[in-house]
Amino acid sequence: MLTGIASRSSTTAKVHRLFRDGKASERELRSEIALDTQKIVAAQKGFAFVSGGQLDWLDLFRPITECFTGFRNSSRKSGAFNYSYGANESVGPVTRWFRTNTFYRKPHVDFRIDCAGYELAEIMPDVGRAVLFLPGPYSFARLVDNSFYNSDEALAIDYSKAIAKSSEALRKKGYSCILLVEHSVGFDMSTGTFKSPDWFGSAISAVKDSGTTLGISFPKAEAGRVVGLADGTEADFVGIDALYTEDLRFRTEKDLLLGVVDSSNIRVENVADLKADIEALVKSASAARYYIGTNDRLYDVPFDIALRKIGALSEVGGVLDER
């Protein structure tokens, strides 16, 4: 499976710029995004869970800030909901996404985070057997500005509960998996500032809905240091960055998602090499079952490269299924 937002085609990027400048309609933009989505879905042959790429999100916080109450300038504060591309650009300042050359709009929380439950499903495309990517509660608490909650725990728990409240409508739309992506865990580990909060397990478990498969992924983190964080939660599987990890000799009681495709490198993986790497990883680690996927979002490579990387995953998956 994929583990994050995918990039847009050059055509869609061009139309988005025209739309931003008032020279193209929203209908034209939605049409181009739909075409890109179809290509991404078609490339995911044999995937356990399918993603449309969430191409209209631009970053993992949009359009959460439009769907949930609690954010400055959220249209849902007044009880209304009018999702449109770029509608909440003023939510927060443009902020660098960790050490990359990409950016996100930092949301400002100035009210209690909540939702009615239908909002996320309403804006997601009909894909079927789909996965939705969202910021993990630790990363969410680390990456937003908060002037309402007295603690990160209260902030993270309310955010998790809002996701859980959305699960039923998402499942009816075909979204049978939610993947929480904890970018901040790996980043904080790399700077020596990570301390597992007492509330981490509770916040993850608060997302769990009985009918939805729940995963938690840790890009750019040493696997042996993070699998234990997931083991004490109700997550069904844990995603590890197999390319970043130096030591894969660990055990986990969860299913394991092996991030074997490099999402930030334009080189397209060779299927034979992927197969050999996966077999070596399975011999080193010990888990209940295995998924294979990207180690992070495919947002940082060109659209055609992203499609080829997805194709490599599909092909190697087929080879392994034949064994």
C-alpha atoms as a PDB file:
ATOM      1  CA  MET A   1       0.000   0.000   0.000  1.00  0.00           C
ATOM      2  CA  LEU A   2       0.967   3.624  -0.300  1.00  0.00           C
ATOM      3  CA  THR A   3       1.719   5.613   2.837  1.00  0.00           C
ATOM      4  CA  GLY A   4       0.879   9.180   1.937  1.00  0.00           C
ATOM      5  CA  ILE A   5      -0.184  11.810  -0.552  1.00  0.00           C
ATOM      6  CA  ALA A   6       0.974  11.414  -4.159  1.00  0.00           C
ATOM      7  CA  SER A   7       2.189  14.124  -6.503  1.00  0.00           C
ATOM      8  CA  ARG A   8       0.104  15.710  -9.244  1.00  0.00           C
ATOM      9  CA  SER A   9       0.721  15.568 -12.971  1.00  0.00           C
ATOM     10  CA  SER A  10       2.232  18.614 -14.658  1.00  0.00           C
ATOM     11  CA  THR A  11      -1.113  19.261 -16.355  1.00  0.00           C
ATOM     12  CA  THR A  12      -2.995  19.307 -13.061  1.00  0.00           C
ATOM     13  CA  ALA A  13      -0.343  21.530 -11.473  1.00  0.00           C
ATOM     14  CA  LYS A  14      -0.728  23.970 -14.363  1.00  0.00           C
ATOM     15  CA  VAL A  15      -4.520  24.030 -14.101  1.00  0.00           C
ATOM     16  CA  HIS A  16      -4.237  24.568 -10.338  1.00  0.00           C
ATOM     17  CA  ARG A  17      -2.076  27.638 -10.916  1.00  0.00           C
ATOM     18  CA  LEU A  18      -4.609  28.940 -13.436  1.00  0.00           C
ATOM     19  CA  PHE A  19      -7.445  28.284 -10.971  1.00  0.00           C
ATOM     20  CA  ARG A  20      -5.548  30.087  -8.228  1.00  0.00           C
ATOM     21  CA  ASP A  21      -5.156  33.091 -10.528  1.00  0.00           C
ATOM     22  CA  GLY A  22      -8.815  33.054 -11.553  1.00  0.00           C
ATOM     23  CA  LYS A  23      -8.123  31.813 -15.083  1.00  0.00           C
ATOM     24  CA  ALA A  24      -9.572  28.303 -14.751  1.00  0.00           C
ATOM     25  CA  SER A  25     -12.736  26.990 -13.132  1.00  0.00           C
ATOM     26  CA  GLU A  26     -13.014  24.658 -10.170  1.00  0.00           C
ATOM     27  CA  ARG A  27     -14.741  22.181 -12.484  1.00  0.00           C
ATOM     28  CA  GLU A  28     -11.643  22.117 -14.718  1.00  0.00           C
ATOM     29  CA  LEU A  29      -9.383  21.561 -11.725  1.00  0.00           C
ATOM     30  CA  ARG A  30     -11.557  18.793 -10.324  1.00  0.00           C
ATOM     31  CA  SER A  31     -11.593  17.127 -13.747  1.00  0.00           C
ATOM     32  CA  GLU A  32      -7.791  17.038 -13.973  1.00  0.00           C
ATOM     33  CA  ILE A  33      -7.463  15.736 -10.403  1.00  0.00           C
ATOM     34  CA  ALA A  34      -9.987  13.014 -11.220  1.00  0.00           C
ATOM     35  CA  LEU A  35      -7.909  11.912 -14.233  1.00  0.00           C
ATOM     36  CA  ASP A  36      -4.741  11.741 -12.120  1.00  0.00           C
ATOM     37  CA  THR A  37      -6.624   9.816  -9.446  1.00  0.00           C
ATOM     38  CA  GLN A  38      -7.809   7.249 -11.984  1.00  0.00           C
ATOM     39  CA  LYS A  39      -4.224   6.639 -13.137  1.00  0.00           C
ATOM     40  CA  ILE A  40      -2.960   6.214  -9.569  1.00  0.00           C
ATOM     41  CA  VAL A  41      -5.755   3.786  -8.702  1.00  0.00           C
ATOM     42  CA  ALA A  42      -5.236   1.778 -11.903  1.00  0.00           C
ATOM     43  CA  ALA A  43      -1.536   1.306 -11.074  1.00  0.00           C
ATOM     44  CA  GLN A  44      -2.317  -0.329  -7.711  1.00  0.00           C
ATOM     45  CA  LYS A  45      -3.073  -3.824  -8.977  1.00  0.00           C
ATOM     46  CA  GLY A  46      -3.257  -6.338  -6.147  1.00  0.00           C
ATOM     47  CA  PHE A  47      -2.890  -3.759  -3.371  1.00  0.00           C
ATOM     48  CA  ALA A  48      -4.487  -4.637  -0.035  1.00  0.00           C
ATOM     49  CA  PHE A  49      -5.790  -1.077   0.298  1.00  0.00           C
ATOM     50  CA  VAL A  50      -6.009   1.417  -2.547  1.00  0.00           C
ATOM     51  CA  SER A  51      -5.338   5.160  -2.503  1.00  0.00           C
ATOM     52  CA  GLY A  52      -6.456   7.838  -4.900  1.00  0.00           C
ATOM     53  CA  GLY A  53      -3.443   9.870  -3.814  1.00  0.00           C
ATOM     54  CA  GLN A  54      -5.479  12.502  -1.928  1.00  0.00           C
ATOM     55  CA  LEU A  55      -4.341  14.857  -4.674  1.00  0.00           C
ATOM     56  CA  ASP A  56      -6.536  17.744  -3.547  1.00  0.00           C
ATOM     57  CA  TRP A  57      -5.108  17.818  -0.029  1.00  0.00           C
ATOM     58  CA  LEU A  58      -1.829  19.616  -0.835  1.00  0.00           C
ATOM     59  CA  ASP A  59      -0.663  18.664   2.656  1.00  0.00           C
ATOM     60  CA  LEU A  60      -1.940  16.295   5.352  1.00  0.00           C
ATOM     61  CA  PHE A  61      -3.647  19.100   7.258  1.00  0.00           C
ATOM     62  CA  ARG A  62      -5.846  20.231   4.405  1.00  0.00           C
ATOM     63  CA  PRO A  63      -8.778  19.885   4.271  1.00  0.00           C
ATOM     64  CA  ILE A  64      -8.917  18.631   7.899  1.00  0.00           C
ATOM     65  CA  THR A  65      -9.025  22.270   8.885  1.00  0.00           C
ATOM     66  CA  GLU A  66     -12.194  22.623   6.828  1.00  0.00           C
ATOM     67  CA  CYS A  67     -13.774  19.350   7.968  1.00  0.00           C
ATOM     68  CA  PHE A  68     -13.348  19.618  11.728  1.00  0.00           C
ATOM     69  CA  THR A  69     -14.351  22.434  14.024  1.00  0.00           C
ATOM     70  CA  GLY A  70     -11.699  24.006  16.215  1.00  0.00           C
ATOM     71  CA  PHE A  71      -9.486  25.706  13.650  1.00  0.00           C
ATOM     72  CA  ARG A  72      -9.174  29.414  13.042  1.00  0.00           C
ATOM     73  CA  ASN A  73     -11.143  30.458   9.952  1.00  0.00           C
ATOM     74  CA  SER A  74     -12.737  27.011   9.650  1.00  0.00           C
ATOM     75  CA  SER A  75     -15.989  27.331   7.688  1.00  0.00           C
ATOM     76  CA  ARG A  76     -17.525  24.704   9.987  1.00  0.00           C
ATOM     77  CA  LYS A  77     -17.356  26.977  13.021  1.00  0.00           C
ATOM     78  CA  SER A  78     -20.646  28.492  11.980  1.00  0.00           C
ATOM     79  CA  GLY A  79     -22.141  25.091  11.266  1.00  0.00           C
ATOM     80  CA  ALA A  80     -21.618  25.449   7.520  1.00  0.00           C
ATOM     81  CA  PHE A  81     -19.401  23.350   5.311  1.00  0.00           C
ATOM     82  CA  ASN A  82     -18.315  24.546   1.903  1.00  0.00           C
ATOM     83  CA  TYR A  83     -15.216  22.660   0.818  1.00  0.00           C
ATOM     84  CA  SER A  84     -13.374  24.139  -2.144  1.00  0.00           C
ATOM     85  CA  TYR A  85      -9.756  24.117  -3.259  1.00  0.00           C
ATOM     86  CA  GLY A  86      -7.768  26.767  -1.437  1.00  0.00           C
ATOM     87  CA  ALA A  87     -10.705  27.944   0.654  1.00  0.00           C
ATOM     88  CA  ASN A  88      -8.749  27.827   3.908  1.00  0.00           C
ATOM     89  CA  GLU A  89      -5.422  29.265   2.755  1.00  0.00           C
ATOM     90  CA  SER A  90      -5.487  31.747   5.630  1.00  0.00           C
ATOM     91  CA  VAL A  91      -5.657  29.094   8.348  1.00  0.00           C
ATOM     92  CA  GLY A  92      -1.980  29.380   9.162  1.00  0.00           C
ATOM     93  CA  PRO A  93       1.449  30.498   7.959  1.00  0.00           C
ATOM     94  CA  VAL A  94       3.402  28.669   5.283  1.00  0.00           C
ATOM     95  CA  THR A  95       5.798  26.411   7.197  1.00  0.00           C
ATOM     96  CA  ARG A  96       8.614  24.169   5.966  1.00  0.00           C
ATOM     97  CA  TRP A  97       7.786  20.443   6.039  1.00  0.00           C
ATOM     98  CA  PHE A  98      10.682  19.220   8.186  1.00  0.00           C
ATOM     99  CA  ARG A  99      13.952  19.217   6.183  1.00  0.00           C
ATOM    100  CA  THR A 100      12.328  19.193   2.734  1.00  0.00           C
ATOM    101  CA  ASN A 101      11.752  21.942   0.198  1.00  0.00           C
ATOM    102  CA  THR A 102       7.986  21.554   0.525  1.00  0.00           C
ATOM    103  CA  PHE A 103       5.654  23.420   2.841  1.00  0.00           C
ATOM    104  CA  TYR A 104       2.333  23.173   4.662  1.00  0.00           C
ATOM    105  CA  ARG A 105      -0.144  25.617   6.132  1.00  0.00           C
ATOM    106  CA  LYS A 106       0.228  25.419   9.895  1.00  0.00           C
ATOM    107  CA  PRO A 107      -3.287  25.188  11.392  1.00  0.00           C
ATOM    108  CA  HIS A 108      -4.172  27.236  14.454  1.00  0.00           C
ATOM    109  CA  VAL A 109      -6.380  25.514  17.018  1.00  0.00           C
ATOM    110  CA  ASP A 110      -8.471  28.013  18.963  1.00  0.00           C
ATOM    111  CA  PHE A 111     -11.539  25.930  19.765  1.00  0.00           C
ATOM    112  CA  ARG A 112     -12.451  22.345  20.623  1.00  0.00           C
ATOM    113  CA  ILE A 113     -11.749  19.898  17.790  1.00  0.00           C
ATOM    114  CA  ASP A 114     -14.854  17.956  16.789  1.00  0.00           C
ATOM    115  CA  CYS A 115     -16.955  16.977  13.793  1.00  0.00           C
ATOM    116  CA  ALA A 116     -20.369  15.631  12.889  1.00  0.00           C
ATOM    117  CA  GLY A 117     -18.854  12.519  11.324  1.00  0.00           C
ATOM    118  CA  TYR A 118     -19.779  12.823   7.645  1.00  0.00           C
ATOM    119  CA  GLU A 119     -17.323  15.515   6.556  1.00  0.00           C
ATOM    120  CA  LEU A 120     -14.210  13.564   5.589  1.00  0.00           C
ATOM    121  CA  ALA A 121     -16.196  10.930   3.700  1.00  0.00           C
ATOM    122  CA  GLU A 122     -18.033  13.656   1.809  1.00  0.00           C
ATOM    123  CA  ILE A 123     -14.863  15.025   0.228  1.00  0.00           C
ATOM    124  CA  MET A 124     -13.065  11.738  -0.511  1.00  0.00           C
ATOM    125  CA  PRO A 125     -13.294  10.175  -3.994  1.00  0.00           C
ATOM    126  CA  ASP A 126     -15.054   6.865  -4.590  1.00  0.00           C
ATOM    127  CA  VAL A 127     -12.151   4.430  -4.830  1.00  0.00           C
ATOM    128  CA  GLY A 128     -13.252   1.241  -3.071  1.00  0.00           C
ATOM    129  CA  ARG A 129     -11.203  -0.801  -0.590  1.00  0.00           C
ATOM    130  CA  ALA A 130      -9.450   2.456   0.139  1.00  0.00           C
ATOM    131  CA  VAL A 131      -7.004   3.895   2.663  1.00  0.00           C
ATOM    132  CA  LEU A 132      -7.115   7.422   4.092  1.00  0.00           C
ATOM    133  CA  PHE A 133      -3.877   9.051   5.289  1.00  0.00           C
ATOM    134  CA  LEU A 134      -3.988  11.399   8.269  1.00  0.00           C
ATOM    135  CA  PRO A 135      -1.414  12.925  10.605  1.00  0.00           C
ATOM    136  CA  GLY A 136      -0.810  10.764  13.666  1.00  0.00           C
ATOM    137  CA  PRO A 137      -1.865  12.355  16.977  1.00  0.00           C
ATOM    138  CA  TYR A 138       1.726  12.965  18.134  1.00  0.00           C
ATOM    139  CA  SER A 139       2.620  14.712  14.868  1.00  0.00           C
ATOM    140  CA  PHE A 140      -0.656  16.611  14.915  1.00  0.00           C
ATOM    141  CA  ALA A 141       0.066  17.976  18.386  1.00  0.00           C
ATOM    142  CA  ARG A 142       3.618  18.886  17.370  1.00  0.00           C
ATOM    143  CA  LEU A 143       2.795  20.586  14.072  1.00  0.00           C
ATOM    144  CA  VAL A 144      -0.209  22.808  14.853  1.00  0.00           C
ATOM    145  CA  ASP A 145      -0.371  26.060  16.799  1.00  0.00           C
ATOM    146  CA  ASN A 146      -2.596  25.583  19.831  1.00  0.00           C
ATOM    147  CA  SER A 147      -4.129  28.373  21.892  1.00  0.00           C
ATOM    148  CA  PHE A 148      -7.123  26.442  23.243  1.00  0.00           C
ATOM    149  CA  TYR A 149      -5.986  23.215  24.940  1.00  0.00           C
ATOM    150  CA  ASN A 150      -4.008  23.168  28.155  1.00  0.00           C
ATOM    151  CA  SER A 151      -2.143  19.987  27.185  1.00  0.00           C
ATOM    152  CA  ASP A 152      -1.010  18.057  24.135  1.00  0.00           C
ATOM    153  CA  GLU A 153      -2.870  15.055  25.525  1.00  0.00           C
ATOM    154  CA  ALA A 154      -6.270  16.768  25.457  1.00  0.00           C
ATOM    155  CA  LEU A 155      -5.538  18.127  21.985  1.00  0.00           C
ATOM    156  CA  ALA A 156      -4.458  14.728  20.614  1.00  0.00           C
ATOM    157  CA  ILE A 157      -7.346  12.802  22.196  1.00  0.00           C
ATOM    158  CA  ASP A 158     -10.022  15.140  20.815  1.00  0.00           C
ATOM    159  CA  TYR A 159      -8.385  14.952  17.379  1.00  0.00           C
ATOM    160  CA  SER A 160      -8.364  11.133  17.566  1.00  0.00           C
ATOM    161  CA  LYS A 161     -11.996  11.036  18.668  1.00  0.00           C
ATOM    162  CA  ALA A 162     -12.983  13.200  15.692  1.00  0.00           C
ATOM    163  CA  ILE A 163     -11.287  10.701  13.362  1.00  0.00           C
ATOM    164  CA  ALA A 164     -13.093   7.828  15.084  1.00  0.00           C
ATOM    165  CA  LYS A 165     -16.395   9.651  14.699  1.00  0.00           C
ATOM    166  CA  SER A 166     -15.679   9.835  10.965  1.00  0.00           C
ATOM    167  CA  SER A 167     -14.980   6.097  10.574  1.00  0.00           C
ATOM    168  CA  GLU A 168     -18.500   4.854   9.881  1.00  0.00           C
ATOM    169  CA  ALA A 169     -19.182   7.310   7.055  1.00  0.00           C
ATOM    170  CA  LEU A 170     -15.728   6.674   5.614  1.00  0.00           C
ATOM    171  CA  ARG A 171     -16.310   2.928   5.668  1.00  0.00           C
ATOM    172  CA  LYS A 172     -19.619   3.352   3.829  1.00  0.00           C
ATOM    173  CA  LYS A 173     -17.689   5.328   1.199  1.00  0.00           C
ATOM    174  CA  GLY A 174     -15.262   2.396   0.811  1.00  0.00           C
ATOM    175  CA  TYR A 175     -12.478   3.574   3.124  1.00  0.00           C
ATOM    176  CA  SER A 176     -11.797   0.418   5.087  1.00  0.00           C
ATOM    177  CA  CYS A 177      -8.350   1.506   6.324  1.00  0.00           C
ATOM    178  CA  ILE A 178      -7.035   4.586   8.126  1.00  0.00           C
ATOM    179  CA  LEU A 179      -3.278   5.103   8.241  1.00  0.00           C
ATOM    180  CA  LEU A 180      -1.900   7.524  10.822  1.00  0.00           C
ATOM    181  CA  VAL A 181       1.471   8.878   9.698  1.00  0.00           C
ATOM    182  CA  GLU A 182       3.834   9.958  12.468  1.00  0.00           C
ATOM    183  CA  HIS A 183       6.461  12.062  10.709  1.00  0.00           C
ATOM    184  CA  SER A 184       7.338  13.949  13.879  1.00  0.00           C
ATOM    185  CA  VAL A 185       8.393  10.812  15.750  1.00  0.00           C
ATOM    186  CA  GLY A 186      11.252  10.056  13.357  1.00  0.00           C
ATOM    187  CA  PHE A 187      12.228  13.721  13.110  1.00  0.00           C
ATOM    188  CA  ASP A 188      12.326  14.187  16.875  1.00  0.00           C
ATOM    189  CA  MET A 189      14.320  10.974  17.242  1.00  0.00           C
ATOM    190  CA  SER A 190      16.873  12.307  14.758  1.00  0.00           C
ATOM    191  CA  THR A 191      17.309  15.464  16.843  1.00  0.00           C
ATOM    192  CA  GLY A 192      17.366  13.601  20.156  1.00  0.00           C
ATOM    193  CA  THR A 193      14.226  15.338  21.408  1.00  0.00           C
ATOM    194  CA  PHE A 194      11.698  12.498  21.270  1.00  0.00           C
ATOM    195  CA  LYS A 195      10.109  11.338  24.512  1.00  0.00           C
ATOM    196  CA  SER A 196       7.178   8.983  24.200  1.00  0.00           C
ATOM    197  CA  PRO A 197       4.241  10.737  25.885  1.00  0.00           C
ATOM    198  CA  ASP A 198       2.149   8.808  28.373  1.00  0.00           C
ATOM    199  CA  TRP A 199      -0.920   9.460  26.244  1.00  0.00           C
ATOM    200  CA  PHE A 200       0.464   8.120  22.947  1.00  0.00           C
ATOM    201  CA  GLY A 201      -1.168   4.692  23.160  1.00  0.00           C
ATOM    202  CA  SER A 202      -4.482   6.131  24.310  1.00  0.00           C
ATOM    203  CA  ALA A 203      -4.564   8.612  21.440  1.00  0.00           C
ATOM    204  CA  ILE A 204      -3.899   5.904  18.838  1.00  0.00           C
ATOM    205  CA  SER A 205      -6.441   3.549  20.370  1.00  0.00           C
ATOM    206  CA  ALA A 206      -9.050   6.311  20.454  1.00  0.00           C
ATOM    207  CA  VAL A 207      -9.068   6.257  16.647  1.00  0.00           C
ATOM    208  CA  LYS A 208      -9.884   2.547  16.431  1.00  0.00           C
ATOM    209  CA  ASP A 209     -13.285   1.606  15.092  1.00  0.00           C
ATOM    210  CA  SER A 210     -14.317  -2.049  15.153  1.00  0.00           C
ATOM    211  CA  GLY A 211     -14.951  -2.188  11.413  1.00  0.00           C
ATOM    212  CA  THR A 212     -11.915  -0.226  10.209  1.00  0.00           C
ATOM    213  CA  THR A 213      -8.347  -1.449   9.785  1.00  0.00           C
ATOM    214  CA  LEU A 214      -6.020   0.954  11.588  1.00  0.00           C
ATOM    215  CA  GLY A 215      -2.341   1.391  10.831  1.00  0.00           C
ATOM    216  CA  ILE A 216       0.383   3.672  12.123  1.00  0.00           C
ATOM    217  CA  SER A 217       3.482   4.464  10.074  1.00  0.00           C
ATOM    218  CA  PHE A 218       6.831   5.982  11.085  1.00  0.00           C
ATOM    219  CA  PRO A 219       8.789   7.514   8.163  1.00  0.00           C
ATOM    220  CA  LYS A 220      12.502   8.208   8.720  1.00  0.00           C
ATOM    221  CA  ALA A 221      12.543   6.383  12.049  1.00  0.00           C
ATOM    222  CA  GLU A 222      14.642   3.434  13.220  1.00  0.00           C
ATOM    223  CA  ALA A 223      12.171   0.542  13.233  1.00  0.00           C
ATOM    224  CA  GLY A 224      13.374  -1.083  16.418  1.00  0.00           C
ATOM    225  CA  ARG A 225      12.684   2.133  18.318  1.00  0.00           C
ATOM    226  CA  VAL A 226       9.124   2.635  17.075  1.00  0.00           C
ATOM    227  CA  VAL A 227       7.449  -0.777  16.765  1.00  0.00           C
ATOM    228  CA  GLY A 228       7.080  -0.893  20.541  1.00  0.00           C
ATOM    229  CA  LEU A 229       5.088   2.343  20.425  1.00  0.00           C
ATOM    230  CA  ALA A 230       2.475   0.629  18.267  1.00  0.00           C
ATOM    231  CA  ASP A 231       2.488  -2.715  20.098  1.00  0.00           C
ATOM    232  CA  GLY A 232       0.673  -1.273  23.081  1.00  0.00           C
ATOM    233  CA  THR A 233      -2.115   0.250  20.997  1.00  0.00           C
ATOM    234  CA  GLU A 234      -5.149  -1.053  19.124  1.00  0.00           C
ATOM    235  CA  ALA A 235      -3.508  -0.436  15.732  1.00  0.00           C
ATOM    236  CA  ASP A 236      -3.735  -3.448  13.421  1.00  0.00           C
ATOM    237  CA  PHE A 237      -0.408  -2.866  11.692  1.00  0.00           C
ATOM    238  CA  VAL A 238       2.724  -0.753  11.994  1.00  0.00           C
ATOM    239  CA  GLY A 239       4.576   0.753   9.044  1.00  0.00           C
ATOM    240  CA  ILE A 240       8.347   1.009   9.222  1.00  0.00           C
ATOM    241  CA  ASP A 241      10.888   2.769   7.030  1.00  0.00           C
ATOM    242  CA  ALA A 242      12.875  -0.260   5.864  1.00  0.00           C
ATOM    243  CA  LEU A 243      15.263   1.968   3.894  1.00  0.00           C
ATOM    244  CA  TYR A 244      16.149   4.199   6.830  1.00  0.00           C
ATOM    245  CA  THR A 245      16.369   1.398   9.402  1.00  0.00           C
ATOM    246  CA  GLU A 246      19.800  -0.081  10.112  1.00  0.00           C
ATOM    247  CA  ASP A 247      18.732  -3.019  12.289  1.00  0.00           C
ATOM    248  CA  LEU A 248      15.621  -5.031  11.444  1.00  0.00           C
ATOM    249  CA  ARG A 249      16.127  -7.725  14.056  1.00  0.00           C
ATOM    250  CA  PHE A 250      12.989  -7.068  16.070  1.00  0.00           C
ATOM    251  CA  ARG A 251       9.638  -8.641  16.826  1.00  0.00           C
ATOM    252  CA  THR A 252       6.190  -7.104  16.806  1.00  0.00           C
ATOM    253  CA  GLU A 253       2.782  -8.490  17.654  1.00  0.00           C
ATOM    254  CA  LYS A 254       1.279  -6.382  14.851  1.00  0.00           C
ATOM    255  CA  ASP A 255       1.166  -6.897  11.127  1.00  0.00           C
ATOM    256  CA  LEU A 256       4.130  -5.116   9.567  1.00  0.00           C
ATOM    257  CA  LEU A 257       4.166  -2.716   6.609  1.00  0.00           C
ATOM    258  CA  LEU A 258       7.648  -2.742   5.054  1.00  0.00           C
ATOM    259  CA  GLY A 259       8.468   0.607   3.465  1.00  0.00           C
ATOM    260  CA  VAL A 260      10.780  -0.684   0.737  1.00  0.00           C
ATOM    261  CA  VAL A 261      10.184   1.842  -2.066  1.00  0.00           C
ATOM    262  CA  ASP A 262      12.071   5.121  -1.677  1.00  0.00           C
ATOM    263  CA  SER A 263       9.487   7.862  -2.004  1.00  0.00           C
ATOM    264  CA  SER A 264      11.995  10.708  -2.299  1.00  0.00           C
ATOM    265  CA  ASN A 265      14.306   9.197  -4.948  1.00  0.00           C
ATOM    266  CA  ILE A 266      13.503   9.454  -8.645  1.00  0.00           C
ATOM    267  CA  ARG A 267      15.172   6.103  -9.322  1.00  0.00           C
ATOM    268  CA  VAL A 268      12.514   3.478 -10.023  1.00  0.00           C
ATOM    269  CA  GLU A 269      13.120   0.271  -8.104  1.00  0.00           C
ATOM    270  CA  ASN A 270      14.029  -2.956  -9.875  1.00  0.00           C
ATOM    271  CA  VAL A 271      11.486  -5.697  -9.153  1.00  0.00           C
ATOM    272  CA  ALA A 272      14.126  -8.394  -8.670  1.00  0.00           C
ATOM    273  CA  ASP A 273      15.992  -6.214  -6.169  1.00  0.00           C
ATOM    274  CA  LEU A 274      12.777  -5.411  -4.317  1.00  0.00           C
ATOM    275  CA  LYS A 275      11.939  -9.110  -4.082  1.00  0.00           C
ATOM    276  CA  ALA A 276      15.378  -9.923  -2.651  1.00  0.00           C
ATOM    277  CA  ASP A 277      15.188  -7.032  -0.167  1.00  0.00           C
ATOM    278  CA  ILE A 278      11.734  -8.076   1.032  1.00  0.00           C
ATOM    279  CA  GLU A 279      12.788 -11.692   1.535  1.00  0.00           C
ATOM    280  CA  ALA A 280      15.833 -10.557   3.540  1.00  0.00           C
ATOM    281  CA  LEU A 281      13.689  -8.248   5.666  1.00  0.00           C
ATOM    282  CA  VAL A 282      11.175 -10.996   6.438  1.00  0.00           C
ATOM    283  CA  LYS A 283      14.020 -13.241   7.589  1.00  0.00           C
ATOM    284  CA  SER A 284      15.295 -10.535   9.941  1.00  0.00           C
ATOM    285  CA  ALA A 285      12.089  -9.211  11.432  1.00  0.00           C
ATOM    286  CA  SER A 286       9.242 -11.138  12.998  1.00  0.00           C
ATOM    287  CA  ALA A 287       5.616 -10.094  12.567  1.00  0.00           C
ATOM    288  CA  ALA A 288       2.186 -11.646  12.196  1.00  0.00           C
ATOM    289  CA  ARG A 289       1.755 -10.724   8.501  1.00  0.00           C
ATOM    290  CA  TYR A 290       3.481  -8.414   6.050  1.00  0.00           C
ATOM    291  CA  TYR A 291       2.458  -5.644   3.721  1.00  0.00           C
ATOM    292  CA  ILE A 292       4.861  -3.909   1.329  1.00  0.00           C
ATOM    293  CA  GLY A 293       4.772  -0.270   0.377  1.00  0.00           C
ATOM    294  CA  THR A 294       6.509   3.081   0.145  1.00  0.00           C
ATOM    295  CA  ASN A 295       8.555   4.401   3.048  1.00  0.00           C
ATOM    296  CA  ASP A 296       6.827   7.793   2.891  1.00  0.00           C
ATOM    297  CA  ARG A 297       4.556   9.900   0.687  1.00  0.00           C
ATOM    298  CA  LEU A 298       5.072  10.006  -3.103  1.00  0.00           C
ATOM    299  CA  TYR A 299       4.574  13.752  -3.091  1.00  0.00           C
ATOM    300  CA  ASP A 300       8.269  14.494  -3.635  1.00  0.00           C
ATOM    301  CA  VAL A 301       8.776  12.748  -6.985  1.00  0.00           C
ATOM    302  CA  PRO A 302       7.231  13.628 -10.384  1.00  0.00           C
ATOM    303  CA  PHE A 303       3.865  12.106 -11.187  1.00  0.00           C
ATOM    304  CA  ASP A 304       5.163   9.742 -13.877  1.00  0.00           C
ATOM    305  CA  ILE A 305       7.875   8.479 -11.533  1.00  0.00           C
ATOM    306  CA  ALA A 306       5.281   7.939  -8.803  1.00  0.00           C
ATOM    307  CA  LEU A 307       3.206   5.825 -11.194  1.00  0.00           C
ATOM    308  CA  ARG A 308       6.241   3.717 -12.105  1.00  0.00           C
ATOM    309  CA  LYS A 309       7.121   3.175  -8.452  1.00  0.00           C
ATOM    310  CA  ILE A 310       3.551   2.088  -7.737  1.00  0.00           C
ATOM    311  CA  GLY A 311       3.816  -0.253 -10.709  1.00  0.00           C
ATOM    312  CA  ALA A 312       6.992  -1.791  -9.292  1.00  0.00           C
ATOM    313  CA  LEU A 313       5.189  -2.478  -6.018  1.00  0.00           C
ATOM    314  CA  SER A 314       2.297  -4.064  -7.890  1.00  0.00           C
ATOM    315  CA  GLU A 315       4.649  -6.250  -9.919  1.00  0.00           C
ATOM    316  CA  VAL A 316       6.728  -7.449  -6.992  1.00  0.00           C
ATOM    317  CA  GLY A 317       3.537  -8.126  -5.051  1.00  0.00           C
ATOM    318  CA  GLY A 318       2.351 -10.358  -7.865  1.00  0.00           C
ATOM    319  CA  VAL A 319       5.666 -12.214  -7.909  1.00  0.00           C
ATOM    320  CA  LEU A 320       5.519 -12.853  -4.170  1.00  0.00           C
ATOM    321  CA  ASP A 321       1.866 -13.972  -4.388  1.00  0.00           C
ATOM    322  CA  GLU A 322       2.859 -16.668  -6.880  1.00  0.00           C
ATOM    323  CA  ARG A 323       5.159 -18.378  -4.386  1.00  0.00           C
END
